[in-house]
Protein backbone atom coordinates (compact mmCIF):
# COMPACT_ATOMS: atom_id res chain seq x y z
CA MET A 1 -68.68 82.11 32.76
CA LYS A 2 -71.30 82.76 30.06
CA GLN A 3 -69.36 85.86 28.97
CA HIS A 4 -66.21 83.77 28.39
CA LEU A 5 -68.20 81.23 26.35
CA VAL A 6 -69.68 83.96 24.15
CA ARG A 7 -66.28 85.60 23.73
CA GLY A 8 -64.69 82.22 23.01
CA PHE A 9 -67.29 81.42 20.36
CA ARG A 10 -66.84 84.82 18.72
CA PHE A 11 -63.06 84.47 18.94
CA GLY A 12 -63.33 81.11 17.17
CA VAL A 13 -65.54 82.48 14.39
CA THR A 14 -63.13 85.38 13.96
CA GLY A 15 -60.20 82.94 13.85
CA VAL A 16 -61.80 80.90 11.07
CA ALA A 17 -62.50 84.08 9.07
CA ASN A 18 -58.99 85.31 9.80
CA THR A 19 -57.50 82.05 8.49
CA GLY A 20 -59.53 82.43 5.30
CA ILE A 21 -58.36 86.01 4.85
CA HIS A 22 -54.74 84.99 5.37
CA ALA A 23 -55.05 82.19 2.81
CA LEU A 24 -56.86 84.41 0.28
CA VAL A 25 -54.34 87.26 0.53
CA ALA A 26 -51.40 84.84 0.32
CA VAL A 27 -52.83 83.16 -2.79
CA LEU A 28 -53.57 86.52 -4.39
CA CYS A 29 -49.99 87.59 -3.74
CA LEU A 30 -48.62 84.31 -5.10
CA GLU A 31 -50.75 84.61 -8.21
CA GLY A 32 -49.89 88.28 -8.75
CA PHE A 33 -53.35 89.74 -8.22
CA PHE A 34 -52.78 91.55 -4.93
CA LEU A 35 -54.07 95.13 -5.12
CA GLY A 36 -55.15 94.48 -8.70
CA VAL A 37 -51.61 94.65 -10.09
CA PRO A 38 -50.93 91.41 -12.00
CA ALA A 39 -47.21 92.29 -12.30
CA LEU A 40 -46.74 92.06 -8.50
CA VAL A 41 -46.10 88.36 -8.05
CA ALA A 42 -44.68 87.52 -4.62
CA GLY A 43 -42.84 84.46 -3.41
CA PRO A 44 -44.19 82.42 -0.49
CA VAL A 45 -42.30 84.32 2.21
CA VAL A 46 -43.45 87.76 1.05
CA ALA A 47 -46.95 86.49 0.28
CA ASN A 48 -47.35 85.07 3.78
CA GLY A 49 -45.80 88.18 5.32
CA VAL A 50 -48.33 90.42 3.58
CA ALA A 51 -51.13 87.98 4.44
CA PHE A 52 -50.07 87.94 8.11
CA VAL A 53 -50.18 91.74 8.33
CA VAL A 54 -53.59 91.96 6.64
CA ALA A 55 -55.03 89.11 8.71
CA THR A 56 -53.63 90.50 11.97
CA ALA A 57 -55.17 93.92 11.27
CA PHE A 58 -58.52 92.25 10.54
CA SER A 59 -58.21 90.12 13.66
CA TYR A 60 -57.47 93.13 15.88
CA VAL A 61 -60.47 95.10 14.64
CA VAL A 62 -62.98 92.24 14.77
CA ASN A 63 -61.75 90.75 18.05
CA THR A 64 -61.69 94.16 19.72
CA LEU A 65 -65.10 95.35 18.55
CA TRP A 66 -66.99 92.04 18.39
CA SER A 67 -65.31 89.21 20.27
CA PHE A 68 -64.36 91.28 23.32
CA SER A 69 -66.84 94.16 22.77
CA THR A 70 -64.50 96.95 23.69
CA GLU A 71 -63.02 100.05 22.10
CA MET A 72 -59.91 100.17 19.98
CA ASN A 73 -57.10 102.06 21.67
CA ARG A 74 -53.33 102.20 21.78
CA ARG A 75 -53.03 100.03 24.90
CA ASN A 76 -54.98 97.04 23.63
CA PHE A 77 -53.49 97.41 20.14
CA GLN A 78 -49.95 97.20 21.54
CA ARG A 79 -50.90 94.23 23.71
CA PHE A 80 -52.59 92.55 20.75
CA ILE A 81 -49.38 92.83 18.73
CA VAL A 82 -47.35 91.40 21.63
CA VAL A 83 -49.74 88.43 21.85
CA ALA A 84 -49.49 87.94 18.07
CA ALA A 85 -45.69 87.83 18.35
CA ILE A 86 -45.85 85.43 21.30
CA GLY A 87 -48.27 83.28 19.30
CA LEU A 88 -45.92 83.20 16.33
CA PHE A 89 -42.97 82.03 18.42
CA ALA A 90 -45.10 79.60 20.43
CA ALA A 91 -46.45 78.05 17.22
CA MET A 92 -42.92 77.66 15.90
CA ALA A 93 -41.83 76.09 19.21
CA LEU A 94 -44.76 73.63 19.13
CA ALA A 95 -43.91 72.68 15.57
CA ARG A 96 -40.29 72.10 16.61
CA LEU A 97 -41.44 70.02 19.60
CA ALA A 98 -43.58 67.91 17.28
CA GLU A 99 -40.55 67.39 15.06
CA LEU A 100 -38.36 66.42 18.03
CA ILE A 101 -40.81 63.81 19.29
CA GLY A 102 -41.05 62.30 15.82
CA LEU A 103 -44.43 63.50 14.61
CA PRO A 104 -44.79 63.95 10.85
CA PRO A 105 -44.92 67.56 9.59
CA LEU A 106 -48.71 67.49 9.48
CA GLY A 107 -48.67 66.40 13.13
CA GLY A 108 -46.94 69.67 14.00
CA VAL A 109 -49.62 71.60 12.17
CA VAL A 110 -52.35 69.70 14.02
CA LEU A 111 -50.64 70.36 17.36
CA VAL A 112 -50.40 74.10 16.63
CA VAL A 113 -54.02 74.28 15.42
CA CYS A 114 -55.27 72.45 18.53
CA VAL A 115 -53.24 74.36 21.13
CA MET A 116 -52.70 77.91 19.91
CA PRO A 117 -56.31 79.13 19.78
CA PHE A 118 -56.63 78.42 23.51
CA VAL A 119 -53.32 80.10 24.31
CA ASN A 120 -54.22 83.17 22.24
CA PHE A 121 -57.72 83.41 23.68
CA GLY A 122 -56.39 83.16 27.22
CA LEU A 123 -53.77 85.84 26.66
CA HIS A 124 -56.28 88.17 25.03
CA ALA A 125 -59.00 87.57 27.62
CA PHE A 126 -56.77 87.97 30.65
CA TRP A 127 -54.23 90.53 29.42
CA THR A 128 -54.93 92.29 26.10
CA TYR A 129 -58.51 93.25 26.92
CA ARG A 130 -58.30 93.31 30.70
């Protein structure tokens, strides 16, 4: 039980850092300063796509080595990517559910933020790093 609490805490810290990295990279892309090339200004879709890739790579490395204290390998990398894809579609489904039940757009965001960390942690703890 203690191991899951420690992993959960580390997973949460990593998630907060990961969110910051995603936001920073997206803003840098939007403002045209990504990779130090001011001429590369991206729209919101491309900016968030680049930010998602960078943040997911960061998340894999830190969650593997620190949160779950294991080695990086092909098996857990592939599973991590599957969980990331599941998380993306689950977040979109939760946002749609919030819309269907009449919550305001911010309500959908709150629902996703409150539910998805637990879903992702569970999938990683009991499948990705098993």
